[in-house]
């Protein structure tokens, strides 16, 4: 084999290798990549086919176990939920295709707002498409609806909630940034009014049957005794 042919083959193989590297999809973070600090919570309700998710930053509150740092929240990534038919983001946030994230430049992520600051909450509205694919379906999955949130540690009281003073990053045992598993995110299903009426009717019917069985049989015919 001549040197020219060898060089051509090497160049082709190198090109293929580069294409493969570029073509490999970059998967988002998996659910089990989250750390559990208790500093983030999500309360979820599901009414008439639509979720309401209330995201809370619990740092700086009385139950915060970490006094040497607070956090900012930059993203909220859901798992075990289908693609949206519709969504409503709070001011300064957006749905980016597989997660909620702040609608701001990277240089602004240490300002609140944009980021969710210590002690603050945000509400997200999300209507899943019953026929849509699951978002973030790569890697290990939770058994039911769950989330991870991208957060960053900051020095307590180093910034202002009105955005005029950026927060100062802090070093922690978790690093300066990490993905956090929110607490309190068990789905609370709220039936529609018609569903509540059906439940109440069923309960009343069961009670009526129970009382009838327990009532003395006063109306039975008398039996003659010789």
C-alpha atoms as a PDB file:
ATOM      1  CA  UNK A   1       0.000   0.000   0.000  1.00  0.00           C
ATOM      2  CA  UNK A   2       1.418   3.343  -1.014  1.00  0.00           C
ATOM      3  CA  UNK A   3       1.876   6.212   1.400  1.00  0.00           C
ATOM      4  CA  UNK A   4      -0.681   8.286  -0.506  1.00  0.00           C
ATOM      5  CA  UNK A   5      -3.376   5.614  -0.212  1.00  0.00           C
ATOM      6  CA  UNK A   6      -2.540   5.127   3.467  1.00  0.00           C
ATOM      7  CA  UNK A   7      -2.886   8.858   4.126  1.00  0.00           C
ATOM      8  CA  UNK A   8      -6.233   8.966   2.298  1.00  0.00           C
ATOM      9  CA  UNK A   9      -7.556   6.060   4.373  1.00  0.00           C
ATOM     10  CA  UNK A  10      -6.363   7.682   7.605  1.00  0.00           C
ATOM     11  CA  UNK A  11      -8.018  10.958   6.612  1.00  0.00           C
ATOM     12  CA  UNK A  12     -11.310   9.187   5.831  1.00  0.00           C
ATOM     13  CA  UNK A  13     -11.275   7.293   9.136  1.00  0.00           C
ATOM     14  CA  UNK A  14     -10.516  10.484  11.040  1.00  0.00           C
ATOM     15  CA  UNK A  15     -13.409  12.227   9.295  1.00  0.00           C
ATOM     16  CA  UNK A  16     -15.776   9.382  10.194  1.00  0.00           C
ATOM     17  CA  UNK A  17     -14.652   9.534  13.823  1.00  0.00           C
ATOM     18  CA  UNK A  18     -15.318  13.266  13.970  1.00  0.00           C
ATOM     19  CA  UNK A  19     -18.778  12.822  12.428  1.00  0.00           C
ATOM     20  CA  UNK A  20     -19.644  10.146  14.974  1.00  0.00           C
ATOM     21  CA  UNK A  21     -18.586  12.377  17.836  1.00  0.00           C
ATOM     22  CA  UNK A  22     -20.658  15.244  16.518  1.00  0.00           C
ATOM     23  CA  UNK A  23     -23.664  13.052  15.765  1.00  0.00           C
ATOM     24  CA  UNK A  24     -23.869  11.446  19.221  1.00  0.00           C
ATOM     25  CA  UNK A  25     -26.865  13.047  20.932  1.00  0.00           C
ATOM     26  CA  UNK A  26     -26.198  14.925  24.139  1.00  0.00           C
ATOM     27  CA  UNK A  27     -28.690  13.643  26.646  1.00  0.00           C
ATOM     28  CA  UNK A  28     -30.019  15.852  29.407  1.00  0.00           C
ATOM     29  CA  UNK A  29     -29.364  15.085  33.037  1.00  0.00           C
ATOM     30  CA  UNK A  30     -30.978  11.922  34.377  1.00  0.00           C
ATOM     31  CA  UNK A  31     -33.239  11.880  37.390  1.00  0.00           C
ATOM     32  CA  UNK A  32     -30.740   9.994  39.558  1.00  0.00           C
ATOM     33  CA  UNK A  33     -28.085  12.661  39.013  1.00  0.00           C
ATOM     34  CA  UNK A  34     -29.842  14.861  41.577  1.00  0.00           C
ATOM     35  CA  UNK A  35     -28.550  15.400  45.102  1.00  0.00           C
ATOM     36  CA  UNK A  36     -30.886  15.583  48.079  1.00  0.00           C
ATOM     37  CA  UNK A  37     -30.379  18.698  50.192  1.00  0.00           C
ATOM     38  CA  UNK A  38     -33.967  19.572  51.113  1.00  0.00           C
ATOM     39  CA  UNK A  39     -33.469  23.124  49.822  1.00  0.00           C
ATOM     40  CA  UNK A  40     -35.937  22.830  46.913  1.00  0.00           C
ATOM     41  CA  UNK A  41     -39.547  21.655  46.918  1.00  0.00           C
ATOM     42  CA  UNK A  42     -42.265  21.192  44.296  1.00  0.00           C
ATOM     43  CA  UNK A  43     -45.941  20.871  45.155  1.00  0.00           C
ATOM     44  CA  UNK A  44     -47.950  19.341  42.303  1.00  0.00           C
ATOM     45  CA  UNK A  45     -51.702  19.257  41.669  1.00  0.00           C
ATOM     46  CA  UNK A  46     -53.525  17.814  38.634  1.00  0.00           C
ATOM     47  CA  UNK A  47     -56.954  19.206  37.745  1.00  0.00           C
ATOM     48  CA  UNK A  48     -58.888  18.727  34.472  1.00  0.00           C
ATOM     49  CA  UNK A  49     -55.816  17.441  32.640  1.00  0.00           C
ATOM     50  CA  UNK A  50     -53.497  20.252  33.738  1.00  0.00           C
ATOM     51  CA  UNK A  51     -50.675  20.318  36.272  1.00  0.00           C
ATOM     52  CA  UNK A  52     -49.919  23.214  38.582  1.00  0.00           C
ATOM     53  CA  UNK A  53     -46.387  23.061  39.947  1.00  0.00           C
ATOM     54  CA  UNK A  54     -45.313  25.381  42.756  1.00  0.00           C
ATOM     55  CA  UNK A  55     -41.520  25.566  42.963  1.00  0.00           C
ATOM     56  CA  UNK A  56     -40.074  26.791  46.275  1.00  0.00           C
ATOM     57  CA  UNK A  57     -36.552  27.820  47.237  1.00  0.00           C
ATOM     58  CA  UNK A  58     -36.366  26.910  50.923  1.00  0.00           C
ATOM     59  CA  UNK A  59     -32.901  28.306  51.588  1.00  0.00           C
ATOM     60  CA  UNK A  60     -32.772  31.105  54.197  1.00  0.00           C
ATOM     61  CA  UNK A  61     -35.994  29.841  55.791  1.00  0.00           C
ATOM     62  CA  UNK A  62     -36.223  28.516  59.333  1.00  0.00           C
ATOM     63  CA  UNK A  63     -35.997  24.860  58.193  1.00  0.00           C
ATOM     64  CA  UNK A  64     -32.821  25.485  56.149  1.00  0.00           C
ATOM     65  CA  UNK A  65     -30.110  23.221  57.645  1.00  0.00           C
ATOM     66  CA  UNK A  66     -27.272  25.063  55.853  1.00  0.00           C
ATOM     67  CA  UNK A  67     -26.369  28.372  57.450  1.00  0.00           C
ATOM     68  CA  UNK A  68     -23.164  28.977  55.483  1.00  0.00           C
ATOM     69  CA  UNK A  69     -24.823  29.247  52.052  1.00  0.00           C
ATOM     70  CA  UNK A  70     -28.128  29.856  50.266  1.00  0.00           C
ATOM     71  CA  UNK A  71     -29.093  28.810  46.735  1.00  0.00           C
ATOM     72  CA  UNK A  72     -30.542  30.192  43.521  1.00  0.00           C
ATOM     73  CA  UNK A  73     -32.691  27.975  41.262  1.00  0.00           C
ATOM     74  CA  UNK A  74     -32.116  28.193  37.487  1.00  0.00           C
ATOM     75  CA  UNK A  75     -34.005  25.257  35.975  1.00  0.00           C
ATOM     76  CA  UNK A  76     -36.743  22.757  36.802  1.00  0.00           C
ATOM     77  CA  UNK A  77     -36.561  19.462  34.860  1.00  0.00           C
ATOM     78  CA  UNK A  78     -39.622  17.145  34.980  1.00  0.00           C
ATOM     79  CA  UNK A  79     -39.616  13.360  34.531  1.00  0.00           C
ATOM     80  CA  UNK A  80     -42.415  10.863  33.798  1.00  0.00           C
ATOM     81  CA  UNK A  81     -44.582  13.475  32.106  1.00  0.00           C
ATOM     82  CA  UNK A  82     -45.563  13.747  28.439  1.00  0.00           C
ATOM     83  CA  UNK A  83     -44.779  16.578  26.040  1.00  0.00           C
ATOM     84  CA  UNK A  84     -46.924  19.672  26.603  1.00  0.00           C
ATOM     85  CA  UNK A  85     -50.012  20.718  24.693  1.00  0.00           C
ATOM     86  CA  UNK A  86     -49.862  24.065  26.474  1.00  0.00           C
ATOM     87  CA  UNK A  87     -47.889  25.738  29.217  1.00  0.00           C
ATOM     88  CA  UNK A  88     -47.700  29.007  31.134  1.00  0.00           C
ATOM     89  CA  UNK A  89     -44.353  30.105  32.541  1.00  0.00           C
ATOM     90  CA  UNK A  90     -43.924  32.652  35.334  1.00  0.00           C
ATOM     91  CA  UNK A  91     -42.393  35.974  34.394  1.00  0.00           C
ATOM     92  CA  UNK A  92     -38.710  35.621  33.531  1.00  0.00           C
ATOM     93  CA  UNK A  93     -38.929  31.880  32.790  1.00  0.00           C
ATOM     94  CA  UNK A  94     -39.660  29.752  29.700  1.00  0.00           C
ATOM     95  CA  UNK A  95     -40.275  26.151  28.616  1.00  0.00           C
ATOM     96  CA  UNK A  96     -37.270  25.186  26.482  1.00  0.00           C
ATOM     97  CA  UNK A  97     -38.487  21.844  25.105  1.00  0.00           C
ATOM     98  CA  UNK A  98     -37.687  19.540  28.014  1.00  0.00           C
ATOM     99  CA  UNK A  99     -37.348  21.830  31.044  1.00  0.00           C
ATOM    100  CA  UNK A 100     -38.272  25.136  32.596  1.00  0.00           C
ATOM    101  CA  UNK A 101     -35.390  27.602  32.724  1.00  0.00           C
ATOM    102  CA  UNK A 102     -34.727  31.269  33.343  1.00  0.00           C
ATOM    103  CA  UNK A 103     -35.199  33.409  30.253  1.00  0.00           C
ATOM    104  CA  UNK A 104     -31.971  35.351  30.656  1.00  0.00           C
ATOM    105  CA  UNK A 105     -28.370  35.527  29.514  1.00  0.00           C
ATOM    106  CA  UNK A 106     -25.812  33.397  31.430  1.00  0.00           C
ATOM    107  CA  UNK A 107     -24.294  36.597  32.816  1.00  0.00           C
ATOM    108  CA  UNK A 108     -27.612  37.347  34.552  1.00  0.00           C
ATOM    109  CA  UNK A 109     -28.116  34.009  36.307  1.00  0.00           C
ATOM    110  CA  UNK A 110     -26.800  35.354  39.622  1.00  0.00           C
ATOM    111  CA  UNK A 111     -29.477  38.044  39.727  1.00  0.00           C
ATOM    112  CA  UNK A 112     -32.975  37.688  41.196  1.00  0.00           C
ATOM    113  CA  UNK A 113     -35.168  37.953  39.380  1.00  0.00           C
ATOM    114  CA  UNK A 114     -34.229  36.034  36.845  1.00  0.00           C
ATOM    115  CA  UNK A 115     -33.188  33.181  39.134  1.00  0.00           C
ATOM    116  CA  UNK A 116     -35.506  32.013  41.911  1.00  0.00           C
ATOM    117  CA  UNK A 117     -34.023  33.537  45.058  1.00  0.00           C
ATOM    118  CA  UNK A 118     -33.878  32.375  48.686  1.00  0.00           C
ATOM    119  CA  UNK A 119     -37.313  32.035  50.285  1.00  0.00           C
ATOM    120  CA  UNK A 120     -39.181  32.655  47.002  1.00  0.00           C
ATOM    121  CA  UNK A 121     -41.746  30.573  45.065  1.00  0.00           C
ATOM    122  CA  UNK A 122     -42.872  30.326  41.424  1.00  0.00           C
ATOM    123  CA  UNK A 123     -45.925  28.702  39.824  1.00  0.00           C
ATOM    124  CA  UNK A 124     -45.828  26.784  36.513  1.00  0.00           C
ATOM    125  CA  UNK A 125     -48.847  25.589  34.515  1.00  0.00           C
ATOM    126  CA  UNK A 126     -48.389  22.506  32.303  1.00  0.00           C
ATOM    127  CA  UNK A 127     -50.943  20.595  30.207  1.00  0.00           C
ATOM    128  CA  UNK A 128     -49.460  17.318  28.885  1.00  0.00           C
ATOM    129  CA  UNK A 129     -50.395  15.862  25.506  1.00  0.00           C
ATOM    130  CA  UNK A 130     -51.996  12.434  26.206  1.00  0.00           C
ATOM    131  CA  UNK A 131     -50.505  11.140  22.946  1.00  0.00           C
ATOM    132  CA  UNK A 132     -47.132  12.838  23.293  1.00  0.00           C
ATOM    133  CA  UNK A 133     -43.788  11.263  24.105  1.00  0.00           C
ATOM    134  CA  UNK A 134     -42.288  11.381  27.563  1.00  0.00           C
ATOM    135  CA  UNK A 135     -39.790  14.201  28.026  1.00  0.00           C
ATOM    136  CA  UNK A 136     -36.341  13.412  29.464  1.00  0.00           C
ATOM    137  CA  UNK A 137     -36.859   9.668  28.977  1.00  0.00           C
ATOM    138  CA  UNK A 138     -33.168   8.731  28.750  1.00  0.00           C
ATOM    139  CA  UNK A 139     -31.442   6.968  31.614  1.00  0.00           C
ATOM    140  CA  UNK A 140     -32.902   5.887  34.975  1.00  0.00           C
ATOM    141  CA  UNK A 141     -36.433   7.119  35.635  1.00  0.00           C
ATOM    142  CA  UNK A 142     -38.512   7.668  38.769  1.00  0.00           C
ATOM    143  CA  UNK A 143     -41.593   5.535  39.338  1.00  0.00           C
ATOM    144  CA  UNK A 144     -43.877   8.557  38.986  1.00  0.00           C
ATOM    145  CA  UNK A 145     -43.779  12.280  38.302  1.00  0.00           C
ATOM    146  CA  UNK A 146     -40.594  13.782  39.709  1.00  0.00           C
ATOM    147  CA  UNK A 147     -38.085  16.580  39.108  1.00  0.00           C
ATOM    148  CA  UNK A 148     -34.531  17.776  39.434  1.00  0.00           C
ATOM    149  CA  UNK A 149     -33.565  21.443  39.682  1.00  0.00           C
ATOM    150  CA  UNK A 150     -30.297  23.092  38.664  1.00  0.00           C
ATOM    151  CA  UNK A 151     -29.185  25.284  41.549  1.00  0.00           C
ATOM    152  CA  UNK A 152     -26.198  27.413  42.494  1.00  0.00           C
ATOM    153  CA  UNK A 153     -24.844  28.167  45.959  1.00  0.00           C
ATOM    154  CA  UNK A 154     -24.511  31.811  46.994  1.00  0.00           C
ATOM    155  CA  UNK A 155     -23.255  33.722  49.998  1.00  0.00           C
ATOM    156  CA  UNK A 156     -26.229  34.542  52.260  1.00  0.00           C
ATOM    157  CA  UNK A 157     -27.490  38.143  51.940  1.00  0.00           C
ATOM    158  CA  UNK A 158     -24.841  38.926  49.307  1.00  0.00           C
ATOM    159  CA  UNK A 159     -27.393  39.929  46.649  1.00  0.00           C
ATOM    160  CA  UNK A 160     -30.746  41.674  46.389  1.00  0.00           C
ATOM    161  CA  UNK A 161     -34.071  40.169  45.364  1.00  0.00           C
ATOM    162  CA  UNK A 162     -34.868  43.197  43.189  1.00  0.00           C
ATOM    163  CA  UNK A 163     -31.982  42.412  40.820  1.00  0.00           C
ATOM    164  CA  UNK A 164     -29.925  45.501  41.600  1.00  0.00           C
ATOM    165  CA  UNK A 165     -27.084  43.541  43.251  1.00  0.00           C
ATOM    166  CA  UNK A 166     -25.946  40.138  41.918  1.00  0.00           C
ATOM    167  CA  UNK A 167     -25.452  37.278  44.335  1.00  0.00           C
ATOM    168  CA  UNK A 168     -21.939  36.049  45.125  1.00  0.00           C
ATOM    169  CA  UNK A 169     -21.186  32.369  44.314  1.00  0.00           C
ATOM    170  CA  UNK A 170     -20.217  30.191  47.269  1.00  0.00           C
ATOM    171  CA  UNK A 171     -18.225  26.964  47.614  1.00  0.00           C
ATOM    172  CA  UNK A 172     -19.993  24.085  49.382  1.00  0.00           C
ATOM    173  CA  UNK A 173     -19.643  20.351  49.943  1.00  0.00           C
ATOM    174  CA  UNK A 174     -21.858  19.967  46.849  1.00  0.00           C
ATOM    175  CA  UNK A 175     -19.746  22.320  44.719  1.00  0.00           C
ATOM    176  CA  UNK A 176     -20.816  25.745  43.471  1.00  0.00           C
ATOM    177  CA  UNK A 177     -23.638  24.300  41.323  1.00  0.00           C
ATOM    178  CA  UNK A 178     -25.452  20.963  41.203  1.00  0.00           C
ATOM    179  CA  UNK A 179     -28.771  19.291  40.381  1.00  0.00           C
ATOM    180  CA  UNK A 180     -31.056  19.007  43.390  1.00  0.00           C
ATOM    181  CA  UNK A 181     -33.951  16.576  43.917  1.00  0.00           C
ATOM    182  CA  UNK A 182     -36.950  18.552  45.188  1.00  0.00           C
ATOM    183  CA  UNK A 183     -38.965  17.328  48.142  1.00  0.00           C
ATOM    184  CA  UNK A 184     -42.734  17.298  48.522  1.00  0.00           C
ATOM    185  CA  UNK A 185     -43.423  16.558  44.856  1.00  0.00           C
ATOM    186  CA  UNK A 186     -45.983  13.769  45.224  1.00  0.00           C
ATOM    187  CA  UNK A 187     -48.858  14.449  42.855  1.00  0.00           C
ATOM    188  CA  UNK A 188     -52.102  15.519  44.522  1.00  0.00           C
ATOM    189  CA  UNK A 189     -54.969  14.560  42.200  1.00  0.00           C
ATOM    190  CA  UNK A 190     -58.038  16.764  42.598  1.00  0.00           C
ATOM    191  CA  UNK A 191     -61.191  15.163  41.121  1.00  0.00           C
ATOM    192  CA  UNK A 192     -63.606  17.211  39.031  1.00  0.00           C
ATOM    193  CA  UNK A 193     -66.879  18.258  40.748  1.00  0.00           C
ATOM    194  CA  UNK A 194     -68.779  15.465  38.962  1.00  0.00           C
ATOM    195  CA  UNK A 195     -66.221  12.996  40.271  1.00  0.00           C
ATOM    196  CA  UNK A 196     -66.647  14.259  43.810  1.00  0.00           C
ATOM    197  CA  UNK A 197     -70.434  13.878  43.497  1.00  0.00           C
ATOM    198  CA  UNK A 198     -70.048  10.295  42.294  1.00  0.00           C
ATOM    199  CA  UNK A 199     -67.742   9.498  45.210  1.00  0.00           C
ATOM    200  CA  UNK A 200     -70.189  11.027  47.715  1.00  0.00           C
ATOM    201  CA  UNK A 201     -73.139   9.146  46.190  1.00  0.00           C
ATOM    202  CA  UNK A 202     -71.238   5.881  46.388  1.00  0.00           C
ATOM    203  CA  UNK A 203     -70.284   6.435  50.024  1.00  0.00           C
ATOM    204  CA  UNK A 204     -73.892   7.288  50.983  1.00  0.00           C
ATOM    205  CA  UNK A 205     -75.161   4.188  49.186  1.00  0.00           C
ATOM    206  CA  UNK A 206     -72.669   1.958  50.985  1.00  0.00           C
ATOM    207  CA  UNK A 207     -73.666   3.429  54.351  1.00  0.00           C
ATOM    208  CA  UNK A 208     -77.374   2.862  53.594  1.00  0.00           C
ATOM    209  CA  UNK A 209     -76.736  -0.790  52.764  1.00  0.00           C
ATOM    210  CA  UNK A 210     -74.667  -1.241  55.908  1.00  0.00           C
ATOM    211  CA  UNK A 211     -77.404   0.276  58.115  1.00  0.00           C
ATOM    212  CA  UNK A 212     -80.056  -1.918  56.492  1.00  0.00           C
ATOM    213  CA  UNK A 213     -78.055  -5.067  57.230  1.00  0.00           C
ATOM    214  CA  UNK A 214     -77.470  -4.046  60.839  1.00  0.00           C
ATOM    215  CA  UNK A 215     -81.178  -3.100  61.493  1.00  0.00           C
ATOM    216  CA  UNK A 216     -83.277  -5.673  63.453  1.00  0.00           C
ATOM    217  CA  UNK A 217     -85.580  -7.694  61.231  1.00  0.00           C
ATOM    218  CA  UNK A 218     -88.804  -6.288  62.747  1.00  0.00           C
ATOM    219  CA  UNK A 219     -90.907  -6.859  59.673  1.00  0.00           C
ATOM    220  CA  UNK A 220     -90.379 -10.615  59.355  1.00  0.00           C
ATOM    221  CA  UNK A 221     -93.630 -12.714  59.715  1.00  0.00           C
ATOM    222  CA  UNK A 222     -94.197 -14.382  63.084  1.00  0.00           C
ATOM    223  CA  UNK A 223     -93.680 -18.125  63.326  1.00  0.00           C
ATOM    224  CA  UNK A 224     -96.263 -20.149  65.256  1.00  0.00           C
ATOM    225  CA  UNK A 225     -94.859 -22.144  68.150  1.00  0.00           C
ATOM    226  CA  UNK A 226     -96.756 -25.300  69.122  1.00  0.00           C
END
